[in-house]
Amino acid sequence: VMANSAEKVRLAGNQNVMVCERGTMFGYNDLIVDPRNF
């Protein structure tokens, strides 16, 4: 999904964009970090 979000910024005329991984929901009250996302 982050490729699409970054592209929205670029299409608005700004090439200076970065993306940040902050975990993925794992059940209701927890997050898990999947290193593959990096």
PDB file of all heavy atoms in Angstrom:
ATOM      1  N   VAL A   1       0.828  -1.205   0.000  1.00  0.00           N
ATOM      2  CA  VAL A   1       0.000   0.000   0.000  1.00  0.00           C
ATOM      3  C   VAL A   1       0.865   1.259   0.000  1.00  0.00           C
ATOM      4  O   VAL A   1       0.481   2.299  -0.548  1.00  0.00           O
ATOM      5  CB  VAL A   1      -0.955  -0.006   1.219  1.00  0.00           C
ATOM      6  CG1 VAL A   1      -1.628   1.351   1.414  1.00  0.00           C
ATOM      7  CG2 VAL A   1      -2.006  -1.088   1.052  1.00  0.00           C
ATOM      8  N   MET A   2       2.040   1.170   0.603  1.00  0.00           N
ATOM      9  CA  MET A   2       2.865   2.360   0.759  1.00  0.00           C
ATOM     10  C   MET A   2       3.396   2.893  -0.566  1.00  0.00           C
ATOM     11  O   MET A   2       3.675   4.087  -0.694  1.00  0.00           O
ATOM     12  CB  MET A   2       4.020   2.071   1.714  1.00  0.00           C
ATOM     13  CG  MET A   2       3.550   1.670   3.108  1.00  0.00           C
ATOM     14  SD  MET A   2       2.289   2.777   3.785  1.00  0.00           S
ATOM     15  CE  MET A   2       3.247   4.236   4.052  1.00  0.00           C
ATOM     16  N   ALA A   3       3.508   2.033  -1.549  1.00  0.00           N
ATOM     17  CA  ALA A   3       3.911   2.506  -2.875  1.00  0.00           C
ATOM     18  C   ALA A   3       2.857   3.459  -3.433  1.00  0.00           C
ATOM     19  O   ALA A   3       3.180   4.487  -4.043  1.00  0.00           O
ATOM     20  CB  ALA A   3       4.121   1.321  -3.820  1.00  0.00           C
ATOM     21  N   ASN A   4       1.590   3.135  -3.205  1.00  0.00           N
ATOM     22  CA  ASN A   4       0.506   4.005  -3.672  1.00  0.00           C
ATOM     23  C   ASN A   4       0.476   5.323  -2.909  1.00  0.00           C
ATOM     24  O   ASN A   4       0.257   6.392  -3.486  1.00  0.00           O
ATOM     25  CB  ASN A   4      -0.843   3.297  -3.510  1.00  0.00           C
ATOM     26  CG  ASN A   4      -1.025   2.153  -4.491  1.00  0.00           C
ATOM     27  OD1 ASN A   4      -0.198   1.952  -5.366  1.00  0.00           O
ATOM     28  ND2 ASN A   4      -2.092   1.411  -4.339  1.00  0.00           N
ATOM     29  N   SER A   5       0.678   5.255  -1.587  1.00  0.00           N
ATOM     30  CA  SER A   5       0.667   6.474  -0.783  1.00  0.00           C
ATOM     31  C   SER A   5       1.814   7.398  -1.186  1.00  0.00           C
ATOM     32  O   SER A   5       1.633   8.614  -1.312  1.00  0.00           O
ATOM     33  CB  SER A   5       0.764   6.122   0.703  1.00  0.00           C
ATOM     34  OG  SER A   5      -0.394   5.437   1.131  1.00  0.00           O
ATOM     35  N   ALA A   6       2.991   6.823  -1.390  1.00  0.00           N
ATOM     36  CA  ALA A   6       4.141   7.626  -1.815  1.00  0.00           C
ATOM     37  C   ALA A   6       3.896   8.248  -3.185  1.00  0.00           C
ATOM     38  O   ALA A   6       4.268   9.402  -3.435  1.00  0.00           O
ATOM     39  CB  ALA A   6       5.404   6.768  -1.835  1.00  0.00           C
ATOM     40  N   GLU A   7       3.238   7.507  -4.050  1.00  0.00           N
ATOM     41  CA  GLU A   7       2.969   8.020  -5.393  1.00  0.00           C
ATOM     42  C   GLU A   7       1.987   9.192  -5.349  1.00  0.00           C
ATOM     43  O   GLU A   7       2.072  10.121  -6.170  1.00  0.00           O
ATOM     44  CB  GLU A   7       2.420   6.897  -6.276  1.00  0.00           C
ATOM     45  CG  GLU A   7       2.321   7.250  -7.755  1.00  0.00           C
ATOM     46  CD  GLU A   7       3.662   7.537  -8.417  1.00  0.00           C
ATOM     47  OE1 GLU A   7       4.733   7.271  -7.796  1.00  0.00           O
ATOM     48  OE2 GLU A   7       3.668   8.058  -9.549  1.00  0.00           O
ATOM     49  N   LYS A   8       1.055   9.185  -4.410  1.00  0.00           N
ATOM     50  CA  LYS A   8       0.133  10.322  -4.273  1.00  0.00           C
ATOM     51  C   LYS A   8       0.913  11.605  -3.965  1.00  0.00           C
ATOM     52  O   LYS A   8       0.571  12.688  -4.476  1.00  0.00           O
ATOM     53  CB  LYS A   8      -0.878  10.049  -3.154  1.00  0.00           C
ATOM     54  CG  LYS A   8      -1.896   8.972  -3.482  1.00  0.00           C
ATOM     55  CD  LYS A   8      -2.848   8.726  -2.306  1.00  0.00           C
ATOM     56  CE  LYS A   8      -3.843   7.616  -2.613  1.00  0.00           C
ATOM     57  NZ  LYS A   8      -4.790   7.381  -1.503  1.00  0.00           N
ATOM     58  N   VAL A   9       1.941  11.493  -3.153  1.00  0.00           N
ATOM     59  CA  VAL A   9       2.782  12.653  -2.825  1.00  0.00           C
ATOM     60  C   VAL A   9       3.540  13.119  -4.069  1.00  0.00           C
ATOM     61  O   VAL A   9       3.592  14.312  -4.372  1.00  0.00           O
ATOM     62  CB  VAL A   9       3.758  12.302  -1.685  1.00  0.00           C
ATOM     63  CG1 VAL A   9       4.769  13.424  -1.460  1.00  0.00           C
ATOM     64  CG2 VAL A   9       2.979  12.026  -0.395  1.00  0.00           C
ATOM     65  N   ARG A  10       4.094  12.174  -4.803  1.00  0.00           N
ATOM     66  CA  ARG A  10       4.867  12.539  -6.005  1.00  0.00           C
ATOM     67  C   ARG A  10       3.978  13.170  -7.070  1.00  0.00           C
ATOM     68  O   ARG A  10       4.368  14.144  -7.719  1.00  0.00           O
ATOM     69  CB  ARG A  10       5.564  11.295  -6.570  1.00  0.00           C
ATOM     70  CG  ARG A  10       6.620  10.704  -5.646  1.00  0.00           C
ATOM     71  CD  ARG A  10       7.441   9.642  -6.376  1.00  0.00           C
ATOM     72  NE  ARG A  10       8.349   8.962  -5.470  1.00  0.00           N
ATOM     73  CZ  ARG A  10       8.155   7.746  -4.959  1.00  0.00           C
ATOM     74  NH1 ARG A  10       7.047   7.064  -5.286  1.00  0.00           N
ATOM     75  NH2 ARG A  10       9.032   7.210  -4.149  1.00  0.00           N
ATOM     76  N   LEU A  11       2.778  12.631  -7.243  1.00  0.00           N
ATOM     77  CA  LEU A  11       1.868  13.187  -8.248  1.00  0.00           C
ATOM     78  C   LEU A  11       1.389  14.589  -7.877  1.00  0.00           C
ATOM     79  O   LEU A  11       0.942  15.338  -8.735  1.00  0.00           O
ATOM     80  CB  LEU A  11       0.673  12.253  -8.447  1.00  0.00           C
ATOM     81  CG  LEU A  11       0.975  10.920  -9.144  1.00  0.00           C
ATOM     82  CD1 LEU A  11      -0.257  10.015  -9.159  1.00  0.00           C
ATOM     83  CD2 LEU A  11       1.483  11.159 -10.572  1.00  0.00           C
ATOM     84  N   ALA A  12       1.516  14.936  -6.603  1.00  0.00           N
ATOM     85  CA  ALA A  12       1.177  16.288  -6.153  1.00  0.00           C
ATOM     86  C   ALA A  12       2.353  17.247  -6.338  1.00  0.00           C
ATOM     87  O   ALA A  12       2.265  18.416  -5.962  1.00  0.00           O
ATOM     88  CB  ALA A  12       0.745  16.265  -4.692  1.00  0.00           C
ATOM     89  N   GLY A  13       3.455  16.724  -6.920  1.00  0.00           N
ATOM     90  CA  GLY A  13       4.587  17.582  -7.246  1.00  0.00           C
ATOM     91  C   GLY A  13       5.736  17.557  -6.263  1.00  0.00           C
ATOM     92  O   GLY A  13       6.634  18.399  -6.332  1.00  0.00           O
ATOM     93  N   ASN A  14       5.735  16.584  -5.349  1.00  0.00           N
ATOM     94  CA  ASN A  14       6.780  16.529  -4.331  1.00  0.00           C
ATOM     95  C   ASN A  14       7.468  15.162  -4.399  1.00  0.00           C
ATOM     96  O   ASN A  14       6.849  14.134  -4.136  1.00  0.00           O
ATOM     97  CB  ASN A  14       6.161  16.755  -2.947  1.00  0.00           C
ATOM     98  CG  ASN A  14       7.192  16.908  -1.846  1.00  0.00           C
ATOM     99  OD1 ASN A  14       8.333  16.483  -1.977  1.00  0.00           O
ATOM    100  ND2 ASN A  14       6.787  17.513  -0.739  1.00  0.00           N
ATOM    101  N   GLN A  15       8.752  15.176  -4.735  1.00  0.00           N
ATOM    102  CA  GLN A  15       9.503  13.926  -4.875  1.00  0.00           C
ATOM    103  C   GLN A  15      10.162  13.482  -3.572  1.00  0.00           C
ATOM    104  O   GLN A  15      10.734  12.398  -3.500  1.00  0.00           O
ATOM    105  CB  GLN A  15      10.577  14.087  -5.964  1.00  0.00           C
ATOM    106  CG  GLN A  15      10.032  14.485  -7.326  1.00  0.00           C
ATOM    107  CD  GLN A  15       8.986  13.514  -7.833  1.00  0.00           C
ATOM    108  OE1 GLN A  15       9.236  12.311  -7.914  1.00  0.00           O
ATOM    109  NE2 GLN A  15       7.813  14.022  -8.188  1.00  0.00           N
ATOM    110  N   ASN A  16      10.097  14.334  -2.553  1.00  0.00           N
ATOM    111  CA  ASN A  16      10.819  14.057  -1.308  1.00  0.00           C
ATOM    112  C   ASN A  16       9.912  13.354  -0.305  1.00  0.00           C
ATOM    113  O   ASN A  16       9.281  13.976   0.540  1.00  0.00           O
ATOM    114  CB  ASN A  16      11.359  15.360  -0.721  1.00  0.00           C
ATOM    115  CG  ASN A  16      12.296  16.069  -1.673  1.00  0.00           C
ATOM    116  OD1 ASN A  16      12.976  15.432  -2.472  1.00  0.00           O
ATOM    117  ND2 ASN A  16      12.342  17.380  -1.603  1.00  0.00           N
ATOM    118  N   VAL A  17       9.849  12.031  -0.421  1.00  0.00           N
ATOM    119  CA  VAL A  17       8.930  11.244   0.392  1.00  0.00           C
ATOM    120  C   VAL A  17       9.653  10.029   0.948  1.00  0.00           C
ATOM    121  O   VAL A  17      10.561   9.475   0.318  1.00  0.00           O
ATOM    122  CB  VAL A  17       7.685  10.831  -0.434  1.00  0.00           C
ATOM    123  CG1 VAL A  17       8.077   9.989  -1.638  1.00  0.00           C
ATOM    124  CG2 VAL A  17       6.666  10.097   0.427  1.00  0.00           C
ATOM    125  N   MET A  18       9.270   9.623   2.152  1.00  0.00           N
ATOM    126  CA  MET A  18       9.794   8.400   2.754  1.00  0.00           C
ATOM    127  C   MET A  18       8.640   7.651   3.414  1.00  0.00           C
ATOM    128  O   MET A  18       7.583   8.231   3.680  1.00  0.00           O
ATOM    129  CB  MET A  18      10.892   8.719   3.780  1.00  0.00           C
ATOM    130  CG  MET A  18      10.441   9.591   4.930  1.00  0.00           C
ATOM    131  SD  MET A  18      11.780   9.946   6.131  1.00  0.00           S
ATOM    132  CE  MET A  18      12.821  11.026   5.161  1.00  0.00           C
ATOM    133  N   VAL A  19       8.845   6.358   3.644  1.00  0.00           N
ATOM    134  CA  VAL A  19       7.798   5.534   4.253  1.00  0.00           C
ATOM    135  C   VAL A  19       8.341   4.890   5.517  1.00  0.00           C
ATOM    136  O   VAL A  19       9.537   4.643   5.647  1.00  0.00           O
ATOM    137  CB  VAL A  19       7.271   4.463   3.275  1.00  0.00           C
ATOM    138  CG1 VAL A  19       6.546   5.110   2.113  1.00  0.00           C
ATOM    139  CG2 VAL A  19       8.402   3.570   2.768  1.00  0.00           C
ATOM    140  N   CYS A  20       7.435   4.603   6.455  1.00  0.00           N
ATOM    141  CA  CYS A  20       7.854   4.141   7.777  1.00  0.00           C
ATOM    142  C   CYS A  20       7.030   2.944   8.232  1.00  0.00           C
ATOM    143  O   CYS A  20       5.800   3.002   8.260  1.00  0.00           O
ATOM    144  CB  CYS A  20       7.723   5.295   8.778  1.00  0.00           C
ATOM    145  SG  CYS A  20       8.226   4.885  10.458  1.00  0.00           S
ATOM    146  N   GLU A  21       7.710   1.883   8.609  1.00  0.00           N
ATOM    147  CA  GLU A  21       7.066   0.692   9.162  1.00  0.00           C
ATOM    148  C   GLU A  21       6.866   0.875  10.666  1.00  0.00           C
ATOM    149  O   GLU A  21       7.795   1.247  11.381  1.00  0.00           O
ATOM    150  CB  GLU A  21       7.940  -0.536   8.894  1.00  0.00           C
ATOM    151  CG  GLU A  21       7.606  -1.773   9.709  1.00  0.00           C
ATOM    152  CD  GLU A  21       6.234  -2.363   9.401  1.00  0.00           C
ATOM    153  OE1 GLU A  21       5.686  -2.099   8.310  1.00  0.00           O
ATOM    154  OE2 GLU A  21       5.709  -3.099  10.259  1.00  0.00           O
ATOM    155  N   ARG A  22       5.633   0.622  11.157  1.00  0.00           N
ATOM    156  CA  ARG A  22       5.370   0.780  12.593  1.00  0.00           C
ATOM    157  C   ARG A  22       4.540  -0.355  13.170  1.00  0.00           C
ATOM    158  O   ARG A  22       3.823  -0.199  14.142  1.00  0.00           O
ATOM    159  CB  ARG A  22       4.747   2.139  12.886  1.00  0.00           C
ATOM    160  CG  ARG A  22       3.451   2.434  12.176  1.00  0.00           C
ATOM    161  CD  ARG A  22       2.236   2.117  13.015  1.00  0.00           C
ATOM    162  NE  ARG A  22       2.042   3.067  14.097  1.00  0.00           N
ATOM    163  CZ  ARG A  22       1.767   2.708  15.347  1.00  0.00           C
ATOM    164  NH1 ARG A  22       1.625   1.442  15.659  1.00  0.00           N
ATOM    165  NH2 ARG A  22       1.583   3.620  16.278  1.00  0.00           N
ATOM    166  N   GLY A  23       4.658  -1.530  12.529  1.00  0.00           N
ATOM    167  CA  GLY A  23       3.988  -2.702  13.065  1.00  0.00           C
ATOM    168  C   GLY A  23       2.642  -2.981  12.401  1.00  0.00           C
ATOM    169  O   GLY A  23       2.049  -2.117  11.759  1.00  0.00           O
ATOM    170  N   THR A  24       2.166  -4.199  12.563  1.00  0.00           N
ATOM    171  CA  THR A  24       0.915  -4.663  11.970  1.00  0.00           C
ATOM    172  C   THR A  24       0.050  -5.288  13.056  1.00  0.00           C
ATOM    173  O   THR A  24       0.555  -6.020  13.918  1.00  0.00           O
ATOM    174  CB  THR A  24       1.212  -5.710  10.876  1.00  0.00           C
ATOM    175  OG1 THR A  24       2.074  -5.141   9.895  1.00  0.00           O
ATOM    176  CG2 THR A  24      -0.071  -6.179  10.220  1.00  0.00           C
ATOM    177  N   MET A  25      -1.242  -4.988  13.028  1.00  0.00           N
ATOM    178  CA  MET A  25      -2.152  -5.516  14.046  1.00  0.00           C
ATOM    179  C   MET A  25      -2.088  -7.044  14.094  1.00  0.00           C
ATOM    180  O   MET A  25      -2.090  -7.718  13.077  1.00  0.00           O
ATOM    181  CB  MET A  25      -3.585  -5.083  13.763  1.00  0.00           C
ATOM    182  CG  MET A  25      -3.857  -3.607  14.006  1.00  0.00           C
ATOM    183  SD  MET A  25      -3.484  -3.021  15.684  1.00  0.00           S
ATOM    184  CE  MET A  25      -4.543  -4.055  16.691  1.00  0.00           C
ATOM    185  N   PHE A  26      -2.024  -7.544  15.309  1.00  0.00           N
ATOM    186  CA  PHE A  26      -1.948  -8.990  15.547  1.00  0.00           C
ATOM    187  C   PHE A  26      -2.969  -9.308  16.634  1.00  0.00           C
ATOM    188  O   PHE A  26      -2.674  -9.299  17.817  1.00  0.00           O
ATOM    189  CB  PHE A  26      -0.527  -9.363  15.985  1.00  0.00           C
ATOM    190  CG  PHE A  26      -0.258 -10.840  16.030  1.00  0.00           C
ATOM    191  CD1 PHE A  26      -0.227 -11.585  14.865  1.00  0.00           C
ATOM    192  CD2 PHE A  26      -0.005 -11.483  17.232  1.00  0.00           C
ATOM    193  CE1 PHE A  26       0.030 -12.952  14.890  1.00  0.00           C
ATOM    194  CE2 PHE A  26       0.251 -12.840  17.276  1.00  0.00           C
ATOM    195  CZ  PHE A  26       0.278 -13.581  16.103  1.00  0.00           C
ATOM    196  N   GLY A  27      -4.212  -9.502  16.215  1.00  0.00           N
ATOM    197  CA  GLY A  27      -5.298  -9.597  17.168  1.00  0.00           C
ATOM    198  C   GLY A  27      -5.791  -8.204  17.529  1.00  0.00           C
ATOM    199  O   GLY A  27      -5.570  -7.245  16.800  1.00  0.00           O
ATOM    200  N   TYR A  28      -6.433  -8.089  18.677  1.00  0.00           N
ATOM    201  CA  TYR A  28      -7.059  -6.832  19.050  1.00  0.00           C
ATOM    202  C   TYR A  28      -6.120  -5.852  19.748  1.00  0.00           C
ATOM    203  O   TYR A  28      -6.227  -4.653  19.581  1.00  0.00           O
ATOM    204  CB  TYR A  28      -8.268  -7.097  19.958  1.00  0.00           C
ATOM    205  CG  TYR A  28      -9.449  -7.681  19.223  1.00  0.00           C
ATOM    206  CD1 TYR A  28      -9.909  -8.959  19.510  1.00  0.00           C
ATOM    207  CD2 TYR A  28     -10.110  -6.941  18.244  1.00  0.00           C
ATOM    208  CE1 TYR A  28     -10.997  -9.495  18.834  1.00  0.00           C
ATOM    209  CE2 TYR A  28     -11.191  -7.470  17.566  1.00  0.00           C
ATOM    210  CZ  TYR A  28     -11.632  -8.740  17.865  1.00  0.00           C
ATOM    211  OH  TYR A  28     -12.711  -9.269  17.198  1.00  0.00           O
ATOM    212  N   ASN A  29      -5.215  -6.322  20.570  1.00  0.00           N
ATOM    213  CA  ASN A  29      -4.432  -5.422  21.417  1.00  0.00           C
ATOM    214  C   ASN A  29      -2.932  -5.639  21.280  1.00  0.00           C
ATOM    215  O   ASN A  29      -2.182  -5.490  22.244  1.00  0.00           O
ATOM    216  CB  ASN A  29      -4.827  -5.598  22.899  1.00  0.00           C
ATOM    217  CG  ASN A  29      -6.300  -5.350  23.126  1.00  0.00           C
ATOM    218  OD1 ASN A  29      -7.042  -6.255  23.510  1.00  0.00           O
ATOM    219  ND2 ASN A  29      -6.743  -4.123  22.889  1.00  0.00           N
ATOM    220  N   ASP A  30      -2.506  -5.992  20.094  1.00  0.00           N
ATOM    221  CA  ASP A  30      -1.076  -6.254  19.927  1.00  0.00           C
ATOM    222  C   ASP A  30      -0.647  -5.943  18.497  1.00  0.00           C
ATOM    223  O   ASP A  30      -1.466  -5.908  17.574  1.00  0.00           O
ATOM    224  CB  ASP A  30      -0.764  -7.717  20.256  1.00  0.00           C
ATOM    225  CG  ASP A  30       0.676  -7.933  20.681  1.00  0.00           C
ATOM    226  OD1 ASP A  30       1.432  -6.941  20.760  1.00  0.00           O
ATOM    227  OD2 ASP A  30       1.047  -9.097  20.937  1.00  0.00           O
ATOM    228  N   LEU A  31       0.641  -5.688  18.349  1.00  0.00           N
ATOM    229  CA  LEU A  31       1.245  -5.461  17.042  1.00  0.00           C
ATOM    230  C   LEU A  31       2.392  -6.444  16.870  1.00  0.00           C
ATOM    231  O   LEU A  31       3.006  -6.883  17.847  1.00  0.00           O
ATOM    232  CB  LEU A  31       1.805  -4.040  16.935  1.00  0.00           C
ATOM    233  CG  LEU A  31       0.815  -2.881  17.003  1.00  0.00           C
ATOM    234  CD1 LEU A  31       1.555  -1.557  17.179  1.00  0.00           C
ATOM    235  CD2 LEU A  31      -0.033  -2.835  15.739  1.00  0.00           C
ATOM    236  N   ILE A  32       2.685  -6.775  15.637  1.00  0.00           N
ATOM    237  CA  ILE A  32       3.834  -7.609  15.329  1.00  0.00           C
ATOM    238  C   ILE A  32       4.651  -6.910  14.246  1.00  0.00           C
ATOM    239  O   ILE A  32       4.096  -6.227  13.379  1.00  0.00           O
ATOM    240  CB  ILE A  32       3.401  -9.023  14.880  1.00  0.00           C
ATOM    241  CG1 ILE A  32       4.590  -9.975  14.850  1.00  0.00           C
ATOM    242  CG2 ILE A  32       2.683  -8.980  13.532  1.00  0.00           C
ATOM    243  CD1 ILE A  32       4.195 -11.435  14.713  1.00  0.00           C
ATOM    244  N   VAL A  33       5.958  -7.052  14.314  1.00  0.00           N
ATOM    245  CA  VAL A  33       6.837  -6.460  13.301  1.00  0.00           C
ATOM    246  C   VAL A  33       7.313  -7.569  12.378  1.00  0.00           C
ATOM    247  O   VAL A  33       7.976  -8.518  12.823  1.00  0.00           O
ATOM    248  CB  VAL A  33       8.050  -5.755  13.940  1.00  0.00           C
ATOM    249  CG1 VAL A  33       8.947  -5.169  12.862  1.00  0.00           C
ATOM    250  CG2 VAL A  33       7.578  -4.660  14.884  1.00  0.00           C
ATOM    251  N   ASP A  34       6.957  -7.462  11.118  1.00  0.00           N
ATOM    252  CA  ASP A  34       7.355  -8.438  10.103  1.00  0.00           C
ATOM    253  C   ASP A  34       8.577  -7.875   9.371  1.00  0.00           C
ATOM    254  O   ASP A  34       8.444  -6.930   8.592  1.00  0.00           O
ATOM    255  CB  ASP A  34       6.203  -8.663   9.124  1.00  0.00           C
ATOM    256  CG  ASP A  34       6.496  -9.745   8.110  1.00  0.00           C
ATOM    257  OD1 ASP A  34       7.682 -10.154   7.988  1.00  0.00           O
ATOM    258  OD2 ASP A  34       5.560 -10.162   7.406  1.00  0.00           O
ATOM    259  N   PRO A  35       9.774  -8.414   9.588  1.00  0.00           N
ATOM    260  CA  PRO A  35      10.975  -7.866   8.955  1.00  0.00           C
ATOM    261  C   PRO A  35      10.927  -7.862   7.431  1.00  0.00           C
ATOM    262  O   PRO A  35      11.639  -7.089   6.782  1.00  0.00           O
ATOM    263  CB  PRO A  35      12.096  -8.779   9.465  1.00  0.00           C
ATOM    264  CG  PRO A  35      11.561  -9.396  10.708  1.00  0.00           C
ATOM    265  CD  PRO A  35      10.080  -9.540  10.471  1.00  0.00           C
ATOM    266  N   ARG A  36      10.072  -8.730   6.866  1.00  0.00           N
ATOM    267  CA  ARG A  36       9.954  -8.737   5.408  1.00  0.00           C
ATOM    268  C   ARG A  36       9.453  -7.391   4.893  1.00  0.00           C
ATOM    269  O   ARG A  36       9.763  -6.998   3.758  1.00  0.00           O
ATOM    270  CB  ARG A  36       9.005  -9.853   4.961  1.00  0.00           C
ATOM    271  CG  ARG A  36       9.494 -11.248   5.302  1.00  0.00           C
ATOM    272  CD  ARG A  36       8.479 -12.301   4.925  1.00  0.00           C
ATOM    273  NE  ARG A  36       7.218 -12.131   5.645  1.00  0.00           N
ATOM    274  CZ  ARG A  36       6.130 -12.892   5.447  1.00  0.00           C
ATOM    275  NH1 ARG A  36       6.168 -13.857   4.548  1.00  0.00           N
ATOM    276  NH2 ARG A  36       5.030 -12.673   6.142  1.00  0.00           N
ATOM    277  N   ASN A  37       8.685  -6.673   5.730  1.00  0.00           N
ATOM    278  CA  ASN A  37       8.155  -5.379   5.299  1.00  0.00           C
ATOM    279  C   ASN A  37       9.259  -4.363   5.017  1.00  0.00           C
ATOM    280  O   ASN A  37       9.088  -3.475   4.181  1.00  0.00           O
ATOM    281  CB  ASN A  37       7.201  -4.816   6.357  1.00  0.00           C
ATOM    282  CG  ASN A  37       5.891  -5.582   6.414  1.00  0.00           C
ATOM    283  OD1 ASN A  37       5.624  -6.432   5.566  1.00  0.00           O
ATOM    284  ND2 ASN A  37       5.082  -5.297   7.415  1.00  0.00           N
ATOM    285  N   PHE A  38      10.376  -4.472   5.739  1.00  0.00           N
ATOM    286  CA  PHE A  38      11.476  -3.544   5.489  1.00  0.00           C
ATOM    287  C   PHE A  38      11.993  -3.685   4.058  1.00  0.00           C
ATOM    288  O   PHE A  38      12.441  -2.721   3.448  1.00  0.00           O
ATOM    289  CB  PHE A  38      12.621  -3.789   6.479  1.00  0.00           C
ATOM    290  CG  PHE A  38      12.249  -3.566   7.919  1.00  0.00           C
ATOM    291  CD1 PHE A  38      12.611  -4.481   8.893  1.00  0.00           C
ATOM    292  CD2 PHE A  38      11.527  -2.443   8.307  1.00  0.00           C
ATOM    293  CE1 PHE A  38      12.275  -4.280  10.228  1.00  0.00           C
ATOM    294  CE2 PHE A  38      11.184  -2.237   9.640  1.00  0.00           C
ATOM    295  CZ  PHE A  38      11.559  -3.156  10.601  1.00  0.00           C
TER     296      PHE A  38
END
